[in-house]
Protein backbone atom coordinates (compact mmCIF):
# COMPACT_ATOMS: atom_id res chain seq x y z
CA UNK A 1 126.21 49.44 122.36
CA UNK A 2 128.62 49.93 125.24
CA UNK A 3 127.23 50.46 128.70
CA UNK A 4 127.54 53.98 129.99
CA UNK A 5 127.27 55.45 133.43
CA UNK A 6 124.12 57.40 134.22
CA UNK A 7 124.48 61.07 133.51
CA UNK A 8 124.08 63.59 136.28
CA UNK A 9 122.97 67.07 135.27
CA UNK A 10 123.06 70.04 137.59
CA UNK A 11 120.63 72.91 137.17
CA UNK A 12 121.20 75.94 139.40
CA UNK A 13 118.24 78.27 139.02
CA UNK A 14 118.59 81.82 140.25
CA UNK A 15 115.31 83.74 140.20
CA UNK A 16 115.71 87.50 140.44
CA UNK A 17 111.99 87.82 139.75
CA UNK A 18 109.11 85.50 140.45
CA UNK A 19 108.79 83.00 137.56
CA UNK A 20 105.18 84.11 136.99
CA UNK A 21 106.41 87.67 136.32
CA UNK A 22 108.92 86.84 133.61
CA UNK A 23 108.14 88.62 130.36
CA UNK A 24 110.95 87.32 128.15
CA UNK A 25 113.33 84.38 128.06
CA UNK A 26 116.17 83.12 125.93
CA UNK A 27 118.05 79.83 125.57
CA UNK A 28 121.65 79.70 124.35
CA UNK A 29 124.35 77.05 124.33
CA UNK A 30 127.28 77.89 126.60
CA UNK A 31 129.71 77.54 123.69
CA UNK A 32 127.73 80.01 121.57
CA UNK A 33 127.39 82.46 124.45
CA UNK A 34 131.11 82.24 125.19
CA UNK A 35 131.98 82.85 121.52
CA UNK A 36 129.66 85.88 121.30
CA UNK A 37 131.00 87.36 124.52
CA UNK A 38 134.60 86.82 123.43
CA UNK A 39 133.92 88.47 120.05
CA UNK A 40 132.28 91.43 121.80
CA UNK A 41 135.28 91.72 124.13
CA UNK A 42 137.72 91.64 121.22
CA UNK A 43 135.69 94.34 119.45
CA UNK A 44 135.73 96.43 122.66
CA UNK A 45 131.95 96.34 122.98
CA UNK A 46 131.54 93.82 125.80
CA UNK A 47 129.79 96.25 128.16
CA UNK A 48 127.26 97.16 125.46
CA UNK A 49 126.70 93.47 124.71
CA UNK A 50 126.19 92.68 128.40
CA UNK A 51 123.73 95.55 128.70
CA UNK A 52 121.72 94.23 125.73
CA UNK A 53 121.06 90.98 127.61
CA UNK A 54 119.56 92.87 130.58
CA UNK A 55 116.31 93.25 128.62
CA UNK A 56 115.80 89.48 128.80
CA UNK A 57 114.21 88.42 132.08
CA UNK A 58 115.42 84.82 132.00
CA UNK A 59 118.49 83.41 130.24
CA UNK A 60 119.09 79.67 130.05
CA UNK A 61 122.74 78.81 129.38
CA UNK A 62 122.74 75.22 128.23
CA UNK A 63 125.50 72.62 128.37
CA UNK A 64 128.15 74.49 130.36
CA UNK A 65 130.06 71.24 130.89
CA UNK A 66 130.85 71.00 127.17
CA UNK A 67 132.58 74.37 127.13
CA UNK A 68 136.31 73.95 126.70
CA UNK A 69 138.73 75.71 129.01
CA UNK A 70 139.93 78.87 127.34
CA UNK A 71 139.77 82.60 126.90
CA UNK A 72 135.98 82.64 126.45
CA UNK A 73 135.35 81.71 130.06
CA UNK A 74 136.35 85.07 131.57
CA UNK A 75 133.69 87.00 129.59
CA UNK A 76 131.16 84.29 130.52
CA UNK A 77 132.05 84.81 134.18
CA UNK A 78 131.50 88.55 133.66
CA UNK A 79 128.12 87.84 132.05
CA UNK A 80 126.97 85.71 134.99
CA UNK A 81 128.32 88.23 137.51
CA UNK A 82 126.53 91.04 135.64
CA UNK A 83 123.18 89.22 135.90
CA UNK A 84 123.69 88.35 139.57
CA UNK A 85 120.79 89.67 141.63
CA UNK A 86 119.30 91.57 138.70
CA UNK A 87 117.93 89.06 136.18
CA UNK A 88 117.07 85.37 136.34
CA UNK A 89 119.44 82.71 135.08
CA UNK A 90 119.42 78.94 134.57
CA UNK A 91 122.62 77.07 133.81
CA UNK A 92 122.63 73.42 132.77
CA UNK A 93 125.72 71.27 133.09
CA UNK A 94 126.66 67.63 132.96
CA UNK A 95 129.37 68.39 135.50
CA UNK A 96 129.04 68.50 139.25
CA UNK A 97 130.11 71.80 140.82
CA UNK A 98 133.34 70.22 142.02
CA UNK A 99 134.37 69.81 138.37
CA UNK A 100 133.52 73.32 137.11
CA UNK A 101 137.15 74.33 137.50
CA UNK A 102 137.76 72.08 134.47
CA UNK A 103 135.73 74.58 132.45
CA UNK A 104 136.89 77.86 133.97
CA UNK A 105 140.47 76.82 134.68
CA UNK A 106 140.93 79.23 137.56
CA UNK A 107 139.94 78.09 141.06
CA UNK A 108 139.37 81.64 142.31
CA UNK A 109 137.12 82.57 139.35
CA UNK A 110 135.26 79.25 139.62
CA UNK A 111 134.67 79.76 143.33
CA UNK A 112 133.44 83.33 142.79
CA UNK A 113 131.16 82.18 139.97
CA UNK A 114 129.65 79.37 142.03
CA UNK A 115 129.21 81.75 144.96
CA UNK A 116 127.14 84.11 142.82
CA UNK A 117 125.31 81.38 140.95
CA UNK A 118 124.29 79.35 144.00
CA UNK A 119 123.40 82.24 146.31
CA UNK A 120 119.61 82.43 146.63
CA UNK A 121 118.97 79.77 144.03
CA UNK A 122 117.31 76.40 143.58
CA UNK A 123 119.58 73.54 142.52
CA UNK A 124 118.15 70.55 140.71
CA UNK A 125 120.32 67.48 140.26
CA UNK A 126 118.93 64.94 137.83
CA UNK A 127 120.55 61.56 138.04
CA UNK A 128 119.68 58.89 135.52
CA UNK A 129 119.92 57.61 132.01
CA UNK A 130 119.90 60.10 129.16
CA UNK A 131 116.54 60.32 127.37
CA UNK A 132 117.96 60.05 123.82
CA UNK A 133 120.18 57.11 124.79
CA UNK A 134 117.21 55.37 126.40
CA UNK A 135 115.11 55.91 123.26
CA UNK A 136 117.93 54.62 121.05
CA UNK A 137 118.26 51.46 123.13
CA UNK A 138 114.49 50.95 122.99
CA UNK A 139 114.49 51.28 119.17
CA UNK A 140 117.44 48.87 118.82
CA UNK A 141 115.76 46.30 121.06
CA UNK A 142 112.51 46.65 119.12
CA UNK A 143 114.31 46.22 115.78
CA UNK A 144 116.18 43.19 117.14
CA UNK A 145 112.94 41.53 118.29
CA UNK A 146 111.31 42.27 114.91
CA UNK A 147 114.30 40.83 113.05
CA UNK A 148 114.31 37.67 115.19
CA UNK A 149 110.55 37.29 114.70
CA UNK A 150 110.96 37.63 110.90
CA UNK A 151 113.80 35.10 110.83
CA UNK A 152 111.70 32.60 112.85
CA UNK A 153 108.85 32.85 110.31
CA UNK A 154 111.20 32.44 107.34
CA UNK A 155 112.60 29.13 108.67
C-alpha cells in the first residue's frame, strides 16, 4: 500500500440556535445536495425547495471537497446564503479554505460563501490519518503476521 499524506478536514460550524435547542437535523452529501438544487432550479422551483429546508434546524453538508466544479455550485451557494443567520449548518471538506475556489470556480462567489460560512462560527480542523485507511493497514498487518506465523509452523 502506497504511503499517503495525512488528510486534513475542515469543519466550519455555524450555529444559528444553541445546539441543545435543535429539534431536527439532516445529513446530505454535497454532490447529492448540488444535484437536487440544480434540478429544482431547472424546474423553476428552487425558491420552494430552499424554503422546504428551512424546517430543518441543522443541515450537515458532507464532503464538499469532492464536489466537481460546475453549474451545481451556484444553487449550493444560494442554499448556504439562504441559511445564513437563520438555521444551523455544518460543512465538511477535505480541502482547506484556500482551495475552495477549486469547487466553486469563481473567486468572488467563493469569497462571499466563506464570508457567510465563517462569520460567527466554530471551525474545526482535523489533521491526521484517515480512520478507514488506518483500520485497513491494521488488518493487513494482522493478516501478514498471521500468515508468517502459519508459514513458520508449517516448516
